Every structure is written in structure tokens, then in C-alpha cells.
Amino acid sequence: MVRVQVPATTANLGPGLDCLGMALKLYNIIELEQKAAGISIEVIGEGAKEIARDERNIVYQAVCRLFKQINYPLKGLKIKLINHIPVTRGLGSSAAAIVGGLIGANALSGGKLSLKDILTLAANIEGHPDNVAPAIYGGILVSVPVDSEIKCLKISPPPGLRVIIGIPGYSLATKKSREVLPQQVSLQDAVFNLGRLALLVAALHQGDLSFLATAMEDRLHQPYRAPLVPGMKKVFAAARLAGARGVTLSGAGPAIAAFVDRNPEHIAQVMSETFRENGVPAKTMVLEPSLTGARALEVKP
């Protein structure tokens, strides 16, 4: 039996569409145990009513994908999911499931694949590396696909950084959130995002949070997703006014992430109140960056 812990992630961080993400100290636990035959899946916590308990389950599919790649036989499997990451809110729940399934399957089958191999496989399953890379390695990851592999570099989060996650009481499927994005953008908007992304990476690397308000500006995805998140612009403005260094849609949304280094509880309250003023019930979490990624906590024969 193998037990794997995987962190939540917030992706894009504003201008870094599909290439930038950060791991957070909010974890799912995936337990895998081989059986003689059949599948049994237990889900506790977040997503207990929505997550599939058959061959459609993402963890199960990830396990099968890895076993197929290394030609390892799968007769039966028992899966237990203890979930703390909200589902379909933009906090990397699917990435956590994929990464947890892959790392667990790799441990069960003798550890034949490296983390680099697992990253490539996870990105192929997820479709992009922005969530799976920090879920695997922890910290802040810049990651891009190059030919058949993923090139990535890790940045240590600045000391004192906290991330307030405002989580609306409704879900937003990533597929729907991606469908509203344009296939082409203007040169002006592309250059705008390139400059902000460069500034954001430099600011995070140097630990200078004073640049985040400007560096997290974006023209490639957030303006198009705003109609799917009622009150988004007002929550952004209220969080900044309350002292947030930078505010962004978390992944594909609808959760909103505020990056702060002071007064996190006050800013969290302001975000919740602003959501409610716009007719959206919401809860908040004050999270620290996770410096470590997914890891096998226990392996038994």
C-alpha cells in the first residue's frame, strides 16, 4: 500500500497563462493498494458527491496510464481519496489527482520513472504543465513544453508571503473557462503580458512584492473569464485597497487569489464581504506556499 500527499496549486498568477504555478499548503491524500481483481474507490471530503468511483476516476486513469507505459500488470486496485482541495474551483484538484495517481503507481511498481518522467506524463494527461509542475516539485514553477518534455525552473516563494483564496460557492469547469478564450490576440496585448510576466518572475525571484500589483496584470485570459465570475473585478479592487500586493484569478477560476504579506485576516474578510455584496456566497482560506511537492508518505508491501 502506498499513501501520497499532494499540494493544491494556484496557476497562471496573472500573466503566466499555462506556464506559471505555485504550490500551496492544502493537501489531498491518495492511498493505493493492489487487489487480486476489481476496483474499489472511496472518497472522503471535498468532491465526495461528484467524483467518479469507476474507471472514469482521474486517479485510476493516471495509475493505468503509468502502468501501461512501463508494462506493469494491473489486476485490481483499491483507491482511497482524502480530499481537502475544493473541486472545480481553480486550485488544481485534477492536477493533484493525476500527480497523486502517478506517484503512487510509480511507488507501487518499483519506482521505475523519475520525477522528470512523471512531470512529462502528468502534463500530457492534464494538457498543460502549470498546475502539475508545482504539485510535483513544490514552490513556484515556470514550466514550458519543449518537444516531448517539460522544461521547468523553480523559484522559492518570498519569505512572509501568504495567499488568500476566495472560493465562491459554485463550481466552474476548466473546459468552460477555456472555451471563452480567444484563439488569437493582438500584438499589443501579447507584449503587455510578456512585460508583466518578466516583471513578475523577477519580483518573485528577488522577493520584492511591491511590484506584484503591476506584474499580475493580464490581458490574455482574465478579461474573457470575468463574466463567468460575478463580482471578480470588484473583489480584485477591494482586496488591493485592503492591502493585497497582487490579486489574480486562481487558475481557470472561479477562486480568486490575493498575495499578501500583512493583515491576511482583514483582507480575507473584505474579499468575502465583497463577494456577498455581489450576490455570491464565498469562503476564504489563508494559505502559505508549500515548498515541497507531492511525496509518498508510506509504502508497504
Protein backbone atom coordinates (compact mmCIF):
# COMPACT_ATOMS: atom_id res chain seq x y z
CA MET A 1 0.00 0.00 0.00
CA VAL A 2 1.19 3.49 -0.80
CA ARG A 3 -0.01 6.78 0.69
CA VAL A 4 0.74 10.00 -1.24
CA GLN A 5 0.32 13.64 -0.15
CA VAL A 6 -0.19 16.23 -2.92
CA PRO A 7 -0.49 20.02 -2.50
CA ALA A 8 -3.08 22.34 -4.01
CA THR A 9 -1.82 24.73 -6.66
CA THR A 10 -2.72 28.14 -8.00
CA ALA A 11 -1.81 28.62 -11.65
CA ASN A 12 -1.16 31.49 -14.07
CA LEU A 13 -0.56 34.07 -11.28
CA GLY A 14 -1.96 36.68 -13.65
CA PRO A 15 0.08 36.91 -16.86
CA GLY A 16 1.64 33.43 -16.78
CA LEU A 17 -1.09 31.61 -18.67
CA ASP A 18 -0.39 27.86 -18.76
CA CYS A 19 3.27 28.25 -17.70
CA LEU A 20 3.39 29.53 -14.11
CA GLY A 21 2.09 27.99 -10.89
CA MET A 22 2.61 27.81 -7.13
CA ALA A 23 2.07 25.00 -4.63
CA LEU A 24 0.02 25.75 -1.51
CA LYS A 25 -0.18 24.16 1.95
CA LEU A 26 -3.51 22.46 1.38
CA TYR A 27 -3.25 18.77 0.67
CA ASN A 28 -5.07 15.77 -0.72
CA ILE A 29 -4.13 12.25 0.38
CA ILE A 30 -4.24 9.38 -2.10
CA GLU A 31 -3.98 5.80 -0.88
CA LEU A 32 -3.42 2.99 -3.40
CA GLU A 33 -3.43 -0.74 -2.76
CA GLN A 34 -3.28 -3.54 -5.30
CA LYS A 35 -6.04 -6.15 -5.25
CA ALA A 36 -6.46 -9.52 -6.90
CA ALA A 37 -9.27 -8.15 -9.09
CA GLY A 38 -11.75 -5.31 -9.47
CA ILE A 39 -11.82 -1.64 -8.50
CA SER A 40 -12.96 -0.05 -5.25
CA ILE A 41 -12.83 3.72 -4.75
CA GLU A 42 -13.62 5.61 -1.56
CA VAL A 43 -13.82 9.41 -1.46
CA ILE A 44 -13.80 11.42 1.78
CA GLY A 45 -14.10 15.21 1.96
CA GLU A 46 -14.16 17.58 -1.00
CA GLY A 47 -15.86 16.19 -4.09
CA ALA A 48 -17.30 13.19 -2.26
CA LYS A 49 -20.62 13.59 -4.11
CA GLU A 50 -19.16 14.43 -7.54
CA ILE A 51 -16.04 12.31 -8.02
CA ALA A 52 -16.47 9.13 -10.09
CA ARG A 53 -15.95 5.79 -8.38
CA ASP A 54 -15.35 3.71 -11.51
CA GLU A 55 -12.99 3.66 -14.50
CA ARG A 56 -13.72 7.36 -15.11
CA ASN A 57 -11.92 8.31 -11.88
CA ILE A 58 -8.90 10.51 -12.67
CA VAL A 59 -6.63 8.83 -10.12
CA TYR A 60 -7.48 5.41 -11.53
CA GLN A 61 -6.84 6.61 -15.09
CA ALA A 62 -3.46 8.06 -14.07
CA VAL A 63 -2.46 4.75 -12.44
CA CYS A 64 -3.45 2.83 -15.56
CA ARG A 65 -1.55 5.27 -17.78
CA LEU A 66 1.70 4.80 -15.84
CA PHE A 67 1.35 1.03 -15.56
CA LYS A 68 0.75 0.83 -19.32
CA GLN A 69 3.84 2.94 -20.04
CA ILE A 70 6.12 0.65 -18.03
CA ASN A 71 4.29 -2.58 -18.95
CA TYR A 72 3.32 -3.31 -15.34
CA PRO A 73 0.30 -5.62 -14.89
CA LEU A 74 -2.77 -4.28 -13.09
CA LYS A 75 -5.24 -6.86 -11.83
CA GLY A 76 -7.22 -4.86 -9.30
CA LEU A 77 -6.91 -1.65 -7.32
CA LYS A 78 -8.24 -0.14 -4.10
CA ILE A 79 -8.21 3.68 -4.01
CA LYS A 80 -8.98 5.91 -1.04
CA LEU A 81 -9.08 9.68 -1.54
CA ILE A 82 -9.00 12.06 1.44
CA ASN A 83 -9.61 15.42 -0.19
CA HIS A 84 -9.12 18.91 1.23
CA ILE A 85 -8.71 20.72 -2.11
CA PRO A 86 -12.03 22.13 -3.40
CA VAL A 87 -13.09 20.58 -6.72
CA THR A 88 -13.54 22.66 -9.91
CA ARG A 89 -12.62 25.92 -8.18
CA GLY A 90 -9.22 26.63 -9.79
CA LEU A 91 -6.98 25.11 -7.11
CA GLY A 92 -5.53 22.20 -9.03
CA SER A 93 -7.76 19.37 -7.81
CA SER A 94 -7.44 17.48 -11.10
CA ALA A 95 -3.66 18.04 -11.14
CA ALA A 96 -3.46 16.69 -7.57
CA ALA A 97 -5.42 13.60 -8.62
CA ILE A 98 -3.19 13.00 -11.65
CA VAL A 99 0.07 13.58 -9.79
CA GLY A 100 -1.04 11.53 -6.79
CA GLY A 101 -2.09 8.66 -9.02
CA LEU A 102 1.17 8.71 -10.98
CA ILE A 103 3.49 8.97 -7.97
CA GLY A 104 1.53 6.29 -6.13
CA ALA A 105 1.57 3.98 -9.13
CA ASN A 106 5.29 4.56 -9.60
CA ALA A 107 5.93 3.63 -5.97
CA LEU A 108 3.75 0.51 -6.21
CA SER A 109 5.57 -0.67 -9.34
CA GLY A 110 9.11 -0.24 -8.05
CA GLY A 111 9.92 3.41 -8.84
CA LYS A 112 10.96 2.95 -12.46
CA LEU A 113 10.18 6.54 -13.52
CA SER A 114 11.97 9.72 -12.41
CA LEU A 115 10.12 12.86 -11.31
CA LYS A 116 11.02 14.34 -14.70
CA ASP A 117 9.32 11.41 -16.42
CA ILE A 118 6.29 11.79 -14.16
CA LEU A 119 6.08 15.52 -14.94
CA THR A 120 6.03 14.83 -18.67
CA LEU A 121 3.36 12.17 -18.28
CA ALA A 122 1.27 14.35 -15.95
CA ALA A 123 1.43 17.31 -18.36
CA ASN A 124 0.34 15.06 -21.23
CA ILE A 125 -2.68 13.92 -19.23
CA GLU A 126 -3.59 17.38 -17.90
CA GLY A 127 -2.86 19.17 -21.18
CA HIS A 128 -0.50 21.81 -19.75
CA PRO A 129 2.16 21.85 -17.01
CA ASP A 130 1.24 24.94 -14.94
CA ASN A 131 -0.51 23.02 -12.12
CA VAL A 132 1.20 19.63 -12.28
CA ALA A 133 4.75 21.05 -12.09
CA PRO A 134 4.34 22.77 -8.69
CA ALA A 135 2.23 19.84 -7.48
CA ILE A 136 5.25 17.61 -8.13
CA TYR A 137 8.13 19.89 -7.09
CA GLY A 138 6.59 22.47 -4.72
CA GLY A 139 7.38 26.18 -4.67
CA ILE A 140 6.82 28.40 -7.72
CA LEU A 141 7.45 26.72 -11.07
CA VAL A 142 7.96 28.20 -14.51
CA SER A 143 7.35 25.33 -16.92
CA VAL A 144 7.01 25.04 -20.69
CA PRO A 145 6.66 22.05 -23.04
CA VAL A 146 9.59 21.62 -25.42
CA ASP A 147 9.21 18.81 -27.96
CA SER A 148 8.42 15.72 -25.87
CA GLU A 149 9.47 17.01 -22.45
CA ILE A 150 8.79 19.79 -19.96
CA LYS A 151 11.46 22.37 -19.19
CA CYS A 152 10.97 23.92 -15.75
CA LEU A 153 12.72 26.10 -13.20
CA LYS A 154 11.78 26.52 -9.54
CA ILE A 155 11.59 29.81 -7.65
CA SER A 156 11.47 29.88 -3.86
CA PRO A 157 8.47 31.90 -2.62
CA PRO A 158 9.44 35.19 -0.92
CA PRO A 159 9.57 34.99 2.91
CA GLY A 160 6.37 36.11 4.59
CA LEU A 161 4.20 35.58 1.51
CA ARG A 162 0.67 34.36 2.14
CA VAL A 163 -2.04 33.60 -0.40
CA ILE A 164 -5.66 34.32 0.44
CA ILE A 165 -8.01 32.18 -1.62
CA GLY A 166 -11.55 33.48 -2.04
CA ILE A 167 -13.69 30.49 -3.03
CA PRO A 168 -17.17 31.18 -4.45
CA GLY A 169 -19.89 28.71 -3.59
CA TYR A 170 -20.24 27.44 -7.16
CA SER A 171 -18.06 25.39 -9.48
CA LEU A 172 -16.60 26.35 -12.86
CA ALA A 173 -15.40 23.61 -15.18
CA THR A 174 -11.97 24.27 -16.66
CA LYS A 175 -13.30 23.29 -20.10
CA LYS A 176 -15.96 26.01 -19.95
CA SER A 177 -13.44 28.58 -18.69
CA ARG A 178 -11.06 27.75 -21.55
CA GLU A 179 -13.77 27.91 -24.20
CA VAL A 180 -14.20 31.67 -23.71
CA LEU A 181 -10.54 32.41 -24.52
CA PRO A 182 -9.76 33.85 -27.97
CA GLN A 183 -7.69 31.86 -30.46
CA GLN A 184 -5.77 34.99 -31.46
CA VAL A 185 -4.76 38.14 -29.57
CA SER A 186 -3.33 41.47 -30.64
CA LEU A 187 0.40 42.14 -30.67
CA GLN A 188 -0.25 44.92 -28.15
CA ASP A 189 -1.87 42.51 -25.67
CA ALA A 190 0.86 39.89 -26.19
CA VAL A 191 3.60 42.45 -25.49
CA PHE A 192 1.65 43.70 -22.44
CA ASN A 193 1.63 40.19 -20.95
CA LEU A 194 5.25 39.46 -21.84
CA GLY A 195 6.38 42.52 -19.91
CA ARG A 196 4.20 41.72 -16.90
CA LEU A 197 5.33 38.09 -16.81
CA ALA A 198 9.00 39.08 -16.95
CA LEU A 199 8.44 41.60 -14.16
CA LEU A 200 6.54 39.03 -12.07
CA VAL A 201 9.27 36.39 -12.33
CA ALA A 202 11.94 38.98 -11.44
CA ALA A 203 9.91 40.30 -8.49
CA LEU A 204 9.28 36.80 -7.10
CA HIS A 205 12.91 35.82 -7.58
CA GLN A 206 14.13 38.94 -5.74
CA GLY A 207 11.38 38.77 -3.12
CA ASP A 208 10.12 42.29 -3.92
CA LEU A 209 6.35 42.14 -3.51
CA SER A 210 5.91 45.86 -4.22
CA PHE A 211 5.84 45.09 -7.96
CA LEU A 212 3.04 42.50 -7.81
CA ALA A 213 0.14 44.89 -8.40
CA THR A 214 1.55 45.76 -11.82
CA ALA A 215 3.20 42.40 -12.52
CA MET A 216 -0.03 40.42 -12.08
CA GLU A 217 -1.94 42.43 -14.66
CA ASP A 218 -3.16 40.36 -17.59
CA ARG A 219 -4.91 40.76 -20.94
CA LEU A 220 -4.86 37.20 -22.27
CA HIS A 221 -7.36 35.32 -20.11
CA GLN A 222 -8.82 37.20 -17.12
CA PRO A 223 -10.81 39.82 -19.10
CA TYR A 224 -12.53 37.00 -21.01
CA ARG A 225 -13.21 34.93 -17.90
CA ALA A 226 -14.52 37.83 -15.81
CA PRO A 227 -18.17 37.35 -16.94
CA LEU A 228 -18.02 33.79 -15.55
CA VAL A 229 -17.03 35.09 -12.10
CA PRO A 230 -19.63 37.60 -10.83
CA GLY A 231 -18.00 40.41 -8.88
CA MET A 232 -14.46 39.43 -9.89
CA LYS A 233 -13.26 42.94 -10.69
CA LYS A 234 -14.80 44.35 -7.51
CA VAL A 235 -13.14 41.65 -5.37
CA PHE A 236 -9.81 42.45 -7.07
CA ALA A 237 -10.21 46.15 -6.30
CA ALA A 238 -11.39 45.62 -2.71
CA ALA A 239 -8.52 43.23 -1.92
CA ARG A 240 -5.94 45.68 -3.29
CA LEU A 241 -7.49 48.56 -1.36
CA ALA A 242 -7.36 46.44 1.81
CA GLY A 243 -3.63 45.85 1.34
CA ALA A 244 -3.13 42.90 -1.03
CA ARG A 245 0.08 43.16 -3.03
CA GLY A 246 -1.42 41.49 -6.09
CA VAL A 247 -4.70 39.78 -6.98
CA THR A 248 -5.42 37.23 -9.68
CA LEU A 249 -7.90 34.61 -10.77
CA SER A 250 -6.68 31.26 -9.45
CA GLY A 251 -6.15 29.03 -12.45
CA ALA A 252 -9.30 28.91 -14.56
CA GLY A 253 -11.34 30.19 -11.60
CA PRO A 254 -13.71 30.88 -10.06
CA ALA A 255 -11.48 31.17 -6.97
CA ILE A 256 -9.56 34.43 -6.56
CA ALA A 257 -6.04 34.53 -5.11
CA ALA A 258 -4.71 37.57 -3.24
CA PHE A 259 -0.98 37.69 -2.50
CA VAL A 260 -0.27 39.40 0.81
CA ASP A 261 2.47 39.98 3.38
CA ARG A 262 0.38 41.68 6.08
CA ASN A 263 -3.17 41.76 7.52
CA PRO A 264 -4.29 38.50 5.89
CA GLU A 265 -7.39 38.04 8.07
CA HIS A 266 -8.66 41.55 7.34
CA ILE A 267 -8.10 41.16 3.60
CA ALA A 268 -9.82 37.77 3.66
CA GLN A 269 -12.86 39.30 5.38
CA VAL A 270 -13.00 42.10 2.81
CA MET A 271 -12.91 39.58 -0.03
CA SER A 272 -15.74 37.51 1.48
CA GLU A 273 -17.87 40.59 2.06
CA THR A 274 -17.32 41.85 -1.48
CA PHE A 275 -18.34 38.51 -2.95
CA ARG A 276 -21.52 38.55 -0.86
CA GLU A 277 -22.30 42.12 -1.87
CA ASN A 278 -22.32 40.85 -5.44
CA GLY A 279 -24.70 38.02 -4.64
CA VAL A 280 -22.08 35.28 -4.38
CA PRO A 281 -21.64 33.25 -1.19
CA ALA A 282 -17.94 32.58 -0.62
CA LYS A 283 -15.43 31.32 1.90
CA THR A 284 -11.77 32.21 2.27
CA MET A 285 -8.58 30.35 3.16
CA VAL A 286 -5.29 31.92 4.21
CA LEU A 287 -2.57 29.59 2.92
CA GLU A 288 1.20 29.50 2.91
CA PRO A 289 3.20 28.45 -0.14
CA SER A 290 4.26 24.81 0.00
CA LEU A 291 7.98 24.42 -0.54
CA THR A 292 7.61 20.68 -1.14
CA GLY A 293 5.56 18.90 -3.73
CA ALA A 294 3.92 15.50 -3.77
CA ARG A 295 5.56 12.78 -1.74
CA ALA A 296 4.93 9.19 -0.82
CA LEU A 297 4.32 9.12 2.93
CA GLU A 298 4.17 5.37 3.33
CA VAL A 299 4.88 2.33 1.22
CA LYS A 300 4.07 -1.21 2.41
CA PRO A 301 4.39 -4.48 0.53
